[in-house]
Amino acid sequence: MKFDTMLAIGIGGFIGAILRAYTSGLINNTIKHDIPFGTLSVNLIGSFILGVLIGLIQYNIIENSYIKSLLTTGMMGALT
């Protein structure tokens, strides 16, 4: 694996982890319940976005391999 690809995945992971912490915390603070709705919501949203991204990649709308790695493996991997 090339260093550029690893860097893209790392940057995406950093962004995804911050989004997960912020979004999950916001939802958990809004909805007070024993069930962790923040975690559930973040996982559902992330899975949906990953599905959309895979569709865009399949139809060659996203062609850059670094952007693919950043968004799918990095960002969505850390988000979900």
N, C-alpha and C. Protein backbone atom coordinates (compact mmCIF):
# COMPACT_ATOMS: atom_id res chain seq x y z
N MET A 1 0.85 -1.17 0.00
CA MET A 1 0.00 0.00 0.00
C MET A 1 0.90 1.24 0.00
N LYS A 2 0.56 2.19 -0.82
CA LYS A 2 1.36 3.41 -0.94
C LYS A 2 1.10 4.34 0.24
N PHE A 3 2.11 5.15 0.53
CA PHE A 3 2.00 6.09 1.64
C PHE A 3 0.86 7.08 1.41
N ASP A 4 0.66 7.53 0.16
CA ASP A 4 -0.42 8.48 -0.14
C ASP A 4 -1.79 7.90 0.20
N THR A 5 -1.97 6.62 -0.08
CA THR A 5 -3.24 5.96 0.23
C THR A 5 -3.43 5.86 1.74
N MET A 6 -2.37 5.49 2.45
CA MET A 6 -2.47 5.40 3.91
C MET A 6 -2.76 6.77 4.53
N LEU A 7 -2.17 7.81 3.97
CA LEU A 7 -2.42 9.16 4.46
C LEU A 7 -3.88 9.56 4.23
N ALA A 8 -4.40 9.23 3.06
CA ALA A 8 -5.80 9.54 2.75
C ALA A 8 -6.73 8.81 3.71
N ILE A 9 -6.46 7.55 3.98
CA ILE A 9 -7.28 6.77 4.92
C ILE A 9 -7.18 7.37 6.32
N GLY A 10 -5.99 7.77 6.72
CA GLY A 10 -5.80 8.37 8.04
C GLY A 10 -6.56 9.68 8.19
N ILE A 11 -6.50 10.52 7.17
CA ILE A 11 -7.22 11.80 7.22
C ILE A 11 -8.72 11.54 7.26
N GLY A 12 -9.19 10.61 6.44
CA GLY A 12 -10.61 10.27 6.46
C GLY A 12 -11.03 9.70 7.80
N GLY A 13 -10.19 8.87 8.39
CA GLY A 13 -10.48 8.30 9.71
C GLY A 13 -10.56 9.37 10.78
N PHE A 14 -9.68 10.35 10.71
CA PHE A 14 -9.69 11.46 11.65
C PHE A 14 -11.01 12.24 11.55
N ILE A 15 -11.42 12.55 10.34
CA ILE A 15 -12.66 13.29 10.12
C ILE A 15 -13.86 12.46 10.58
N GLY A 16 -13.88 11.17 10.21
CA GLY A 16 -14.99 10.30 10.59
C GLY A 16 -15.12 10.12 12.09
N ALA A 17 -14.00 10.01 12.79
CA ALA A 17 -14.03 9.84 14.25
C ALA A 17 -14.58 11.09 14.93
N ILE A 18 -14.18 12.26 14.44
CA ILE A 18 -14.70 13.51 15.01
C ILE A 18 -16.19 13.64 14.74
N LEU A 19 -16.61 13.32 13.52
CA LEU A 19 -18.04 13.37 13.19
C LEU A 19 -18.85 12.41 14.07
N ARG A 20 -18.30 11.21 14.29
CA ARG A 20 -19.00 10.22 15.11
C ARG A 20 -19.16 10.72 16.55
N ALA A 21 -18.09 11.22 17.13
CA ALA A 21 -18.14 11.68 18.52
C ALA A 21 -19.11 12.85 18.66
N TYR A 22 -19.03 13.80 17.75
CA TYR A 22 -19.90 14.98 17.83
C TYR A 22 -21.37 14.61 17.61
N THR A 23 -21.65 13.87 16.54
CA THR A 23 -23.03 13.52 16.21
C THR A 23 -23.64 12.61 17.26
N SER A 24 -22.92 11.60 17.68
CA SER A 24 -23.42 10.68 18.69
C SER A 24 -23.70 11.41 20.00
N GLY A 25 -22.79 12.27 20.42
CA GLY A 25 -22.98 13.04 21.64
C GLY A 25 -24.17 13.97 21.55
N LEU A 26 -24.34 14.61 20.40
CA LEU A 26 -25.46 15.53 20.20
C LEU A 26 -26.79 14.80 20.29
N ILE A 27 -26.88 13.65 19.66
CA ILE A 27 -28.13 12.88 19.69
C ILE A 27 -28.38 12.31 21.08
N ASN A 28 -27.36 11.79 21.72
CA ASN A 28 -27.53 11.24 23.07
C ASN A 28 -27.93 12.32 24.08
N ASN A 29 -27.43 13.54 23.91
CA ASN A 29 -27.81 14.63 24.81
C ASN A 29 -29.21 15.14 24.52
N THR A 30 -29.66 14.99 23.27
CA THR A 30 -31.00 15.43 22.90
C THR A 30 -32.06 14.42 23.32
N ILE A 31 -31.78 13.14 23.09
CA ILE A 31 -32.71 12.06 23.43
C ILE A 31 -32.16 11.33 24.65
N LYS A 32 -32.73 11.59 25.79
CA LYS A 32 -32.30 10.93 27.03
C LYS A 32 -33.02 9.58 27.14
N HIS A 33 -32.27 8.49 27.03
CA HIS A 33 -32.87 7.16 27.10
C HIS A 33 -31.77 6.16 27.45
N ASP A 34 -32.18 4.98 27.92
CA ASP A 34 -31.21 3.93 28.24
C ASP A 34 -30.56 3.35 26.98
N ILE A 35 -31.27 3.37 25.89
CA ILE A 35 -30.75 2.86 24.62
C ILE A 35 -29.86 3.95 24.00
N PRO A 36 -28.66 3.61 23.56
CA PRO A 36 -27.77 4.62 22.97
C PRO A 36 -28.19 4.99 21.54
N PHE A 37 -29.18 5.87 21.45
CA PHE A 37 -29.70 6.25 20.13
C PHE A 37 -28.66 6.98 19.30
N GLY A 38 -27.70 7.63 19.92
CA GLY A 38 -26.65 8.31 19.17
C GLY A 38 -25.81 7.32 18.38
N THR A 39 -25.43 6.23 19.00
CA THR A 39 -24.64 5.20 18.32
C THR A 39 -25.46 4.55 17.21
N LEU A 40 -26.71 4.24 17.50
CA LEU A 40 -27.59 3.64 16.49
C LEU A 40 -27.75 4.57 15.29
N SER A 41 -28.02 5.84 15.56
CA SER A 41 -28.22 6.81 14.49
C SER A 41 -26.97 6.99 13.63
N VAL A 42 -25.83 7.14 14.28
CA VAL A 42 -24.58 7.33 13.54
C VAL A 42 -24.29 6.12 12.66
N ASN A 43 -24.51 4.93 13.17
CA ASN A 43 -24.25 3.72 12.37
C ASN A 43 -25.21 3.62 11.18
N LEU A 44 -26.47 3.95 11.38
CA LEU A 44 -27.44 3.91 10.28
C LEU A 44 -27.12 4.96 9.22
N ILE A 45 -26.83 6.17 9.67
CA ILE A 45 -26.49 7.25 8.73
C ILE A 45 -25.21 6.92 7.96
N GLY A 46 -24.20 6.45 8.68
CA GLY A 46 -22.93 6.10 8.03
C GLY A 46 -23.08 4.98 7.03
N SER A 47 -23.89 3.98 7.36
CA SER A 47 -24.11 2.86 6.43
C SER A 47 -24.83 3.33 5.17
N PHE A 48 -25.80 4.23 5.34
CA PHE A 48 -26.51 4.77 4.19
C PHE A 48 -25.56 5.57 3.29
N ILE A 49 -24.77 6.44 3.90
CA ILE A 49 -23.82 7.25 3.13
C ILE A 49 -22.80 6.36 2.42
N LEU A 50 -22.33 5.30 3.10
CA LEU A 50 -21.39 4.38 2.47
C LEU A 50 -22.02 3.71 1.25
N GLY A 51 -23.29 3.33 1.36
CA GLY A 51 -23.99 2.75 0.22
C GLY A 51 -24.08 3.71 -0.96
N VAL A 52 -24.37 4.98 -0.67
CA VAL A 52 -24.42 6.00 -1.73
C VAL A 52 -23.04 6.16 -2.37
N LEU A 53 -22.00 6.21 -1.54
CA LEU A 53 -20.64 6.35 -2.06
C LEU A 53 -20.24 5.18 -2.95
N ILE A 54 -20.58 3.98 -2.53
CA ILE A 54 -20.27 2.79 -3.34
C ILE A 54 -20.99 2.87 -4.68
N GLY A 55 -22.22 3.33 -4.68
CA GLY A 55 -22.95 3.52 -5.94
C GLY A 55 -22.26 4.54 -6.83
N LEU A 56 -21.81 5.64 -6.25
CA LEU A 56 -21.10 6.66 -7.03
C LEU A 56 -19.80 6.12 -7.58
N ILE A 57 -19.11 5.31 -6.81
CA ILE A 57 -17.86 4.71 -7.27
C ILE A 57 -18.13 3.70 -8.38
N GLN A 58 -19.18 2.91 -8.22
CA GLN A 58 -19.50 1.89 -9.22
C GLN A 58 -19.80 2.51 -10.58
N TYR A 59 -20.45 3.69 -10.59
CA TYR A 59 -20.77 4.36 -11.84
C TYR A 59 -19.71 5.38 -12.26
N ASN A 60 -18.52 5.26 -11.67
CA ASN A 60 -17.36 6.08 -12.01
C ASN A 60 -17.60 7.58 -11.86
N ILE A 61 -18.46 7.96 -10.94
CA ILE A 61 -18.65 9.38 -10.65
C ILE A 61 -17.51 9.86 -9.75
N ILE A 62 -17.06 8.98 -8.85
CA ILE A 62 -15.85 9.25 -8.06
C ILE A 62 -14.76 8.35 -8.62
N GLU A 63 -13.76 8.95 -9.27
CA GLU A 63 -12.74 8.15 -9.94
C GLU A 63 -11.39 8.15 -9.23
N ASN A 64 -11.09 9.20 -8.47
CA ASN A 64 -9.79 9.33 -7.83
C ASN A 64 -9.65 8.29 -6.72
N SER A 65 -8.60 7.47 -6.79
CA SER A 65 -8.44 6.38 -5.82
C SER A 65 -8.19 6.90 -4.40
N TYR A 66 -7.53 8.06 -4.28
CA TYR A 66 -7.28 8.63 -2.95
C TYR A 66 -8.58 9.12 -2.31
N ILE A 67 -9.43 9.72 -3.10
CA ILE A 67 -10.73 10.19 -2.60
C ILE A 67 -11.59 9.00 -2.21
N LYS A 68 -11.55 7.94 -3.01
CA LYS A 68 -12.29 6.71 -2.67
C LYS A 68 -11.84 6.17 -1.32
N SER A 69 -10.53 6.09 -1.13
CA SER A 69 -9.98 5.57 0.13
C SER A 69 -10.32 6.47 1.30
N LEU A 70 -10.19 7.78 1.10
CA LEU A 70 -10.48 8.74 2.15
C LEU A 70 -11.94 8.64 2.60
N LEU A 71 -12.87 8.61 1.64
CA LEU A 71 -14.29 8.62 1.97
C LEU A 71 -14.80 7.28 2.48
N THR A 72 -14.41 6.18 1.83
CA THR A 72 -14.99 4.88 2.19
C THR A 72 -14.26 4.23 3.36
N THR A 73 -13.03 3.86 3.17
CA THR A 73 -12.29 3.15 4.21
C THR A 73 -12.01 4.05 5.40
N GLY A 74 -11.60 5.28 5.14
CA GLY A 74 -11.24 6.19 6.22
C GLY A 74 -12.44 6.78 6.93
N MET A 75 -13.15 7.66 6.24
CA MET A 75 -14.22 8.42 6.89
C MET A 75 -15.41 7.57 7.30
N MET A 76 -15.93 6.79 6.38
CA MET A 76 -17.10 5.97 6.72
C MET A 76 -16.73 4.81 7.65
N GLY A 77 -15.51 4.31 7.53
CA GLY A 77 -15.05 3.26 8.44
C GLY A 77 -15.00 3.76 9.87
N ALA A 78 -14.48 4.97 10.06
CA ALA A 78 -14.41 5.54 11.41
C ALA A 78 -15.79 5.98 11.90
N LEU A 79 -16.62 6.45 10.99
CA LEU A 79 -17.95 6.92 11.38
C LEU A 79 -18.82 5.77 11.85
N THR A 80 -18.73 4.63 11.16
CA THR A 80 -19.58 3.50 11.55
C THR A 80 -18.82 2.54 12.43
